[in-house]
Amino acid sequence: MAEITWFDALGLAGSVIIVAAYYLATRGALPADRIPFNAANIAGGALVMLSLVYRPNLGAIVIEVMFLLIAVLAILRNLRARA
């Protein structure tokens, strides 16, 4: 079995954050149209992206960038709606 490196651990932690946010959103405990959900996706995605710096995978990089952009845009929309 391969050893889990620190950057693998970062990627795993990011994946857990993303999946936990999604699970909580499907249960109604974390509204998907609010900042905390999108902040969790940004945090998780950032950790996954850091792991991809050390172990690149183009498909994973593309999808993480897209998810990060969507989350950032959603937060900006939320902040504008509050103003």
N, C-alpha and C. Protein backbone atom coordinates (compact mmCIF):
# COMPACT_ATOMS: atom_id res chain seq x y z
N MET A 1 0.84 -1.18 0.00
CA MET A 1 0.00 0.00 0.00
C MET A 1 0.88 1.24 0.00
N ALA A 2 0.49 2.24 -0.78
CA ALA A 2 1.28 3.47 -0.88
C ALA A 2 1.14 4.30 0.39
N GLU A 3 2.22 4.98 0.71
CA GLU A 3 2.23 5.86 1.87
C GLU A 3 1.42 7.13 1.56
N ILE A 4 0.64 7.58 2.52
CA ILE A 4 -0.11 8.82 2.34
C ILE A 4 0.79 9.98 2.73
N THR A 5 1.04 10.84 1.75
CA THR A 5 1.90 12.00 1.98
C THR A 5 1.07 13.14 2.57
N TRP A 6 1.75 14.20 2.99
CA TRP A 6 1.04 15.34 3.56
C TRP A 6 0.13 15.99 2.54
N PHE A 7 0.53 16.01 1.25
CA PHE A 7 -0.34 16.63 0.25
C PHE A 7 -1.51 15.72 -0.11
N ASP A 8 -1.32 14.40 0.03
CA ASP A 8 -2.47 13.50 -0.12
C ASP A 8 -3.47 13.74 1.01
N ALA A 9 -2.95 13.94 2.21
CA ALA A 9 -3.81 14.20 3.37
C ALA A 9 -4.59 15.49 3.19
N LEU A 10 -3.94 16.52 2.61
CA LEU A 10 -4.65 17.77 2.34
C LEU A 10 -5.80 17.53 1.37
N GLY A 11 -5.53 16.80 0.30
CA GLY A 11 -6.56 16.50 -0.68
C GLY A 11 -7.71 15.71 -0.08
N LEU A 12 -7.38 14.75 0.78
CA LEU A 12 -8.43 13.97 1.44
C LEU A 12 -9.26 14.85 2.37
N ALA A 13 -8.60 15.72 3.12
CA ALA A 13 -9.32 16.63 4.02
C ALA A 13 -10.25 17.54 3.20
N GLY A 14 -9.76 18.05 2.09
CA GLY A 14 -10.58 18.89 1.23
C GLY A 14 -11.79 18.13 0.69
N SER A 15 -11.57 16.89 0.31
CA SER A 15 -12.68 16.07 -0.18
C SER A 15 -13.73 15.84 0.89
N VAL A 16 -13.28 15.61 2.11
CA VAL A 16 -14.21 15.41 3.23
C VAL A 16 -15.03 16.67 3.47
N ILE A 17 -14.39 17.83 3.41
CA ILE A 17 -15.11 19.10 3.62
C ILE A 17 -16.18 19.28 2.54
N ILE A 18 -15.82 19.03 1.28
CA ILE A 18 -16.76 19.20 0.17
C ILE A 18 -17.93 18.24 0.31
N VAL A 19 -17.64 16.98 0.60
CA VAL A 19 -18.70 15.99 0.72
C VAL A 19 -19.59 16.28 1.93
N ALA A 20 -18.99 16.71 3.03
CA ALA A 20 -19.79 17.04 4.22
C ALA A 20 -20.73 18.20 3.93
N ALA A 21 -20.23 19.23 3.24
CA ALA A 21 -21.09 20.37 2.90
C ALA A 21 -22.24 19.93 1.99
N TYR A 22 -21.93 19.10 1.02
CA TYR A 22 -22.96 18.61 0.11
C TYR A 22 -24.00 17.77 0.87
N TYR A 23 -23.53 16.90 1.74
CA TYR A 23 -24.44 16.07 2.53
C TYR A 23 -25.35 16.95 3.40
N LEU A 24 -24.76 17.92 4.08
CA LEU A 24 -25.56 18.81 4.93
C LEU A 24 -26.56 19.61 4.11
N ALA A 25 -26.17 20.00 2.90
CA ALA A 25 -27.09 20.73 2.03
C ALA A 25 -28.26 19.85 1.61
N THR A 26 -28.00 18.59 1.30
CA THR A 26 -29.09 17.69 0.89
C THR A 26 -30.03 17.38 2.04
N ARG A 27 -29.56 17.54 3.27
CA ARG A 27 -30.39 17.30 4.45
C ARG A 27 -31.07 18.58 4.93
N GLY A 28 -30.81 19.70 4.27
CA GLY A 28 -31.43 20.96 4.66
C GLY A 28 -30.75 21.64 5.84
N ALA A 29 -29.63 21.11 6.27
CA ALA A 29 -28.94 21.68 7.42
C ALA A 29 -27.98 22.81 7.04
N LEU A 30 -27.62 22.88 5.78
CA LEU A 30 -26.69 23.90 5.29
C LEU A 30 -27.21 24.39 3.94
N PRO A 31 -27.95 25.49 3.93
CA PRO A 31 -28.55 25.96 2.67
C PRO A 31 -27.48 26.22 1.60
N ALA A 32 -27.69 25.64 0.43
CA ALA A 32 -26.71 25.73 -0.66
C ALA A 32 -26.62 27.13 -1.26
N ASP A 33 -27.58 27.98 -0.97
CA ASP A 33 -27.54 29.34 -1.52
C ASP A 33 -26.99 30.35 -0.52
N ARG A 34 -26.33 29.87 0.51
CA ARG A 34 -25.77 30.75 1.53
C ARG A 34 -24.25 30.69 1.54
N ILE A 35 -23.64 31.68 2.16
CA ILE A 35 -22.19 31.80 2.18
C ILE A 35 -21.49 30.61 2.85
N PRO A 36 -21.94 30.09 3.99
CA PRO A 36 -21.20 28.98 4.62
C PRO A 36 -21.02 27.76 3.71
N PHE A 37 -22.05 27.42 2.94
CA PHE A 37 -21.93 26.29 2.02
C PHE A 37 -20.85 26.54 0.99
N ASN A 38 -20.88 27.73 0.39
CA ASN A 38 -19.90 28.06 -0.64
C ASN A 38 -18.51 28.25 -0.05
N ALA A 39 -18.42 28.77 1.15
CA ALA A 39 -17.12 28.90 1.82
C ALA A 39 -16.52 27.52 2.09
N ALA A 40 -17.36 26.57 2.48
CA ALA A 40 -16.87 25.20 2.68
C ALA A 40 -16.36 24.62 1.37
N ASN A 41 -17.06 24.89 0.29
CA ASN A 41 -16.61 24.40 -1.01
C ASN A 41 -15.29 25.04 -1.43
N ILE A 42 -15.13 26.33 -1.13
CA ILE A 42 -13.87 27.01 -1.45
C ILE A 42 -12.74 26.44 -0.61
N ALA A 43 -12.98 26.26 0.68
CA ALA A 43 -11.94 25.71 1.56
C ALA A 43 -11.55 24.30 1.13
N GLY A 44 -12.55 23.47 0.90
CA GLY A 44 -12.27 22.10 0.47
C GLY A 44 -11.58 22.06 -0.88
N GLY A 45 -12.06 22.88 -1.81
CA GLY A 45 -11.47 22.93 -3.14
C GLY A 45 -10.04 23.43 -3.11
N ALA A 46 -9.77 24.39 -2.24
CA ALA A 46 -8.40 24.91 -2.12
C ALA A 46 -7.45 23.82 -1.62
N LEU A 47 -7.91 23.03 -0.68
CA LEU A 47 -7.08 21.93 -0.18
C LEU A 47 -6.83 20.89 -1.27
N VAL A 48 -7.87 20.57 -2.02
CA VAL A 48 -7.70 19.62 -3.13
C VAL A 48 -6.73 20.19 -4.16
N MET A 49 -6.88 21.48 -4.48
CA MET A 49 -5.99 22.12 -5.46
C MET A 49 -4.54 22.10 -4.97
N LEU A 50 -4.32 22.33 -3.69
CA LEU A 50 -2.95 22.26 -3.16
C LEU A 50 -2.37 20.87 -3.36
N SER A 51 -3.17 19.85 -3.13
CA SER A 51 -2.67 18.49 -3.33
C SER A 51 -2.37 18.22 -4.81
N LEU A 52 -3.14 18.87 -5.69
CA LEU A 52 -2.93 18.67 -7.13
C LEU A 52 -1.68 19.36 -7.64
N VAL A 53 -1.15 20.32 -6.88
CA VAL A 53 0.12 20.93 -7.25
C VAL A 53 1.23 19.88 -7.22
N TYR A 54 1.15 18.99 -6.25
CA TYR A 54 2.17 17.96 -6.06
C TYR A 54 1.90 16.68 -6.82
N ARG A 55 0.64 16.44 -7.15
CA ARG A 55 0.28 15.25 -7.90
C ARG A 55 -0.77 15.66 -8.94
N PRO A 56 -0.31 16.29 -10.03
CA PRO A 56 -1.25 16.87 -11.01
C PRO A 56 -2.13 15.83 -11.70
N ASN A 57 -3.37 16.26 -11.94
CA ASN A 57 -4.35 15.49 -12.70
C ASN A 57 -5.21 16.53 -13.40
N LEU A 58 -5.06 16.65 -14.71
CA LEU A 58 -5.70 17.74 -15.44
C LEU A 58 -7.22 17.76 -15.25
N GLY A 59 -7.87 16.62 -15.32
CA GLY A 59 -9.32 16.58 -15.15
C GLY A 59 -9.74 17.08 -13.79
N ALA A 60 -9.03 16.69 -12.75
CA ALA A 60 -9.35 17.14 -11.39
C ALA A 60 -9.09 18.63 -11.23
N ILE A 61 -8.02 19.12 -11.85
CA ILE A 61 -7.71 20.55 -11.77
C ILE A 61 -8.82 21.36 -12.43
N VAL A 62 -9.25 20.93 -13.60
CA VAL A 62 -10.30 21.67 -14.33
C VAL A 62 -11.58 21.72 -13.52
N ILE A 63 -12.01 20.59 -12.99
CA ILE A 63 -13.29 20.59 -12.25
C ILE A 63 -13.18 21.39 -10.96
N GLU A 64 -12.04 21.33 -10.28
CA GLU A 64 -11.87 22.11 -9.05
C GLU A 64 -11.87 23.60 -9.34
N VAL A 65 -11.22 24.01 -10.42
CA VAL A 65 -11.23 25.44 -10.79
C VAL A 65 -12.66 25.89 -11.07
N MET A 66 -13.41 25.08 -11.80
CA MET A 66 -14.80 25.44 -12.12
C MET A 66 -15.64 25.53 -10.85
N PHE A 67 -15.51 24.57 -9.94
CA PHE A 67 -16.26 24.60 -8.69
C PHE A 67 -15.86 25.81 -7.83
N LEU A 68 -14.57 26.13 -7.81
CA LEU A 68 -14.12 27.29 -7.05
C LEU A 68 -14.71 28.58 -7.63
N LEU A 69 -14.71 28.70 -8.94
CA LEU A 69 -15.30 29.89 -9.57
C LEU A 69 -16.79 30.01 -9.27
N ILE A 70 -17.50 28.91 -9.35
CA ILE A 70 -18.93 28.91 -9.04
C ILE A 70 -19.17 29.36 -7.60
N ALA A 71 -18.38 28.84 -6.67
CA ALA A 71 -18.55 29.19 -5.26
C ALA A 71 -18.23 30.66 -5.01
N VAL A 72 -17.16 31.16 -5.63
CA VAL A 72 -16.81 32.57 -5.47
C VAL A 72 -17.91 33.47 -6.03
N LEU A 73 -18.42 33.13 -7.19
CA LEU A 73 -19.51 33.92 -7.79
C LEU A 73 -20.76 33.88 -6.91
N ALA A 74 -21.05 32.74 -6.33
CA ALA A 74 -22.22 32.63 -5.45
C ALA A 74 -22.05 33.50 -4.20
N ILE A 75 -20.85 33.53 -3.64
CA ILE A 75 -20.61 34.38 -2.47
C ILE A 75 -20.74 35.85 -2.86
N LEU A 76 -20.17 36.23 -3.98
CA LEU A 76 -20.30 37.63 -4.43
C LEU A 76 -21.76 38.01 -4.63
N ARG A 77 -22.55 37.12 -5.21
CA ARG A 77 -23.98 37.37 -5.40
C ARG A 77 -24.66 37.55 -4.05
N ASN A 78 -24.31 36.73 -3.08
CA ASN A 78 -24.87 36.82 -1.74
C ASN A 78 -24.51 38.15 -1.09
N LEU A 79 -23.28 38.55 -1.22
CA LEU A 79 -22.83 39.81 -0.62
C LEU A 79 -23.52 41.01 -1.28
N ARG A 80 -23.68 40.97 -2.58
CA ARG A 80 -24.38 42.07 -3.28
C ARG A 80 -25.83 42.13 -2.85
N ALA A 81 -26.46 40.99 -2.64
CA ALA A 81 -27.86 40.97 -2.24
C ALA A 81 -28.04 41.57 -0.85
N ARG A 82 -27.03 41.46 -0.02
CA ARG A 82 -27.10 42.01 1.34
C ARG A 82 -26.92 43.52 1.35
N ALA A 83 -26.21 44.04 0.35
CA ALA A 83 -25.89 45.48 0.32
C ALA A 83 -27.08 46.33 -0.05
